[in-house]
Amino acid sequence: MGINAGYFIRESFVSFRRNWVMSLGAVITIYLSLLLVGASVGSSVVVNNIVESVEDKVSIRIFLKDGAATEDVDALQAALLADDRVKEVNYTTKEEALEEFKATMEDSPEIVDQLEVNPLPASLDVDLNDPQDVMDVVATIKANETFPNVADKPEEPEKSLKYGQQIVNQLFAFTRILRTIGVAFIAMLAAISLIFINNSIRLAIYARRKEIGIMRLVGASNWFIRTPFLMEGVLQSLIGAVLALGTLGVVTVYVMPVVREQLPFLPFSISSTATIQISLILVVSGMIIGAVGSAFALRRYLRV
């Protein structure tokens, strides 16, 4: 069994060298296909991390007018706390809002110094159990009879609401577009990879046609004849997968830290678990492409 395995591996390398031009074309195409697969999966992981980070910060802020009746504010707060979709509701005074503003403007203190009065309104900050419910909760707030009485813009109460679901929706839409484009390119490159592998195996069969004929005469089994060609296709795919993993590794080590440094407020990172999963996806995908391309060529061009 060990001798046969060694023979098959050796023959696949010999055939790879004999038809190195077609083999190189197949490797490059598989490399590009798997690189796109890895980039697509990796970017999906990063975008999902960003979306989750943004979702964690999604809340509803209700700006209150100066002099709003305490009983009205308490009534609105109690109504929100009674909603199962709401985690908590915190009241922020004008003074606390100003302190938050000062904290965000530490790099430009002159802007704060120019304020003669506190222009910021008090607010109710609503945290949700599920950020996806934000639009429904906003609709509930707008329908509340007390809301117009406390809103800092009573003539247009909806302008007294601030919430970030629009950003999350845009991120999801952008992610869907990226995935659609990625799937289209992956399908195209996978098809091209199969064609290259098919042609490479066909040339290998043609170059060894006399040797194959002798094997048939001495009674070699079909699988004994076919296996080196199958392994050649898998070898091409594995080389492409290793190159793709190497390229993605370079991007992760050298490019990702630069991006994180430029955008420290966004979680541009991929966990070790996700890295292992992406690596397995690339290797398995490459082996499947190689095996399918080789099997198709053998069925078509090698009648044993």
Foldseek 3Di string as FASTA:
>chain_A
DVVLVVVLVVLLVVLCVVLVVLLVVLLVLLLVLLLLVLVLLLVLQQLVQQLVVVLQVWWKKFFFAPPQDPVLVVVLLVVLVVDLFWDHKDKFALVNVLVVVCVVCVVPCVVVVPDPDRPGGIIIITHGPGSVCVVVVLVVLVPDPSQLRTGNCNVDRSVSMDTDVVVSVVSVVVSVVSVVVSVVVSVVSLVVSLVSLLVSLLVSCVVCVVVVVVCVVVPPDPCSVLSSSLVSLLVSLQSSLVSSLVVVVCCQVPVQVVVCVVVVVGPSDDDPVSNVVSSVVSSVVSSVSSNVSSVVNCVVRPDD
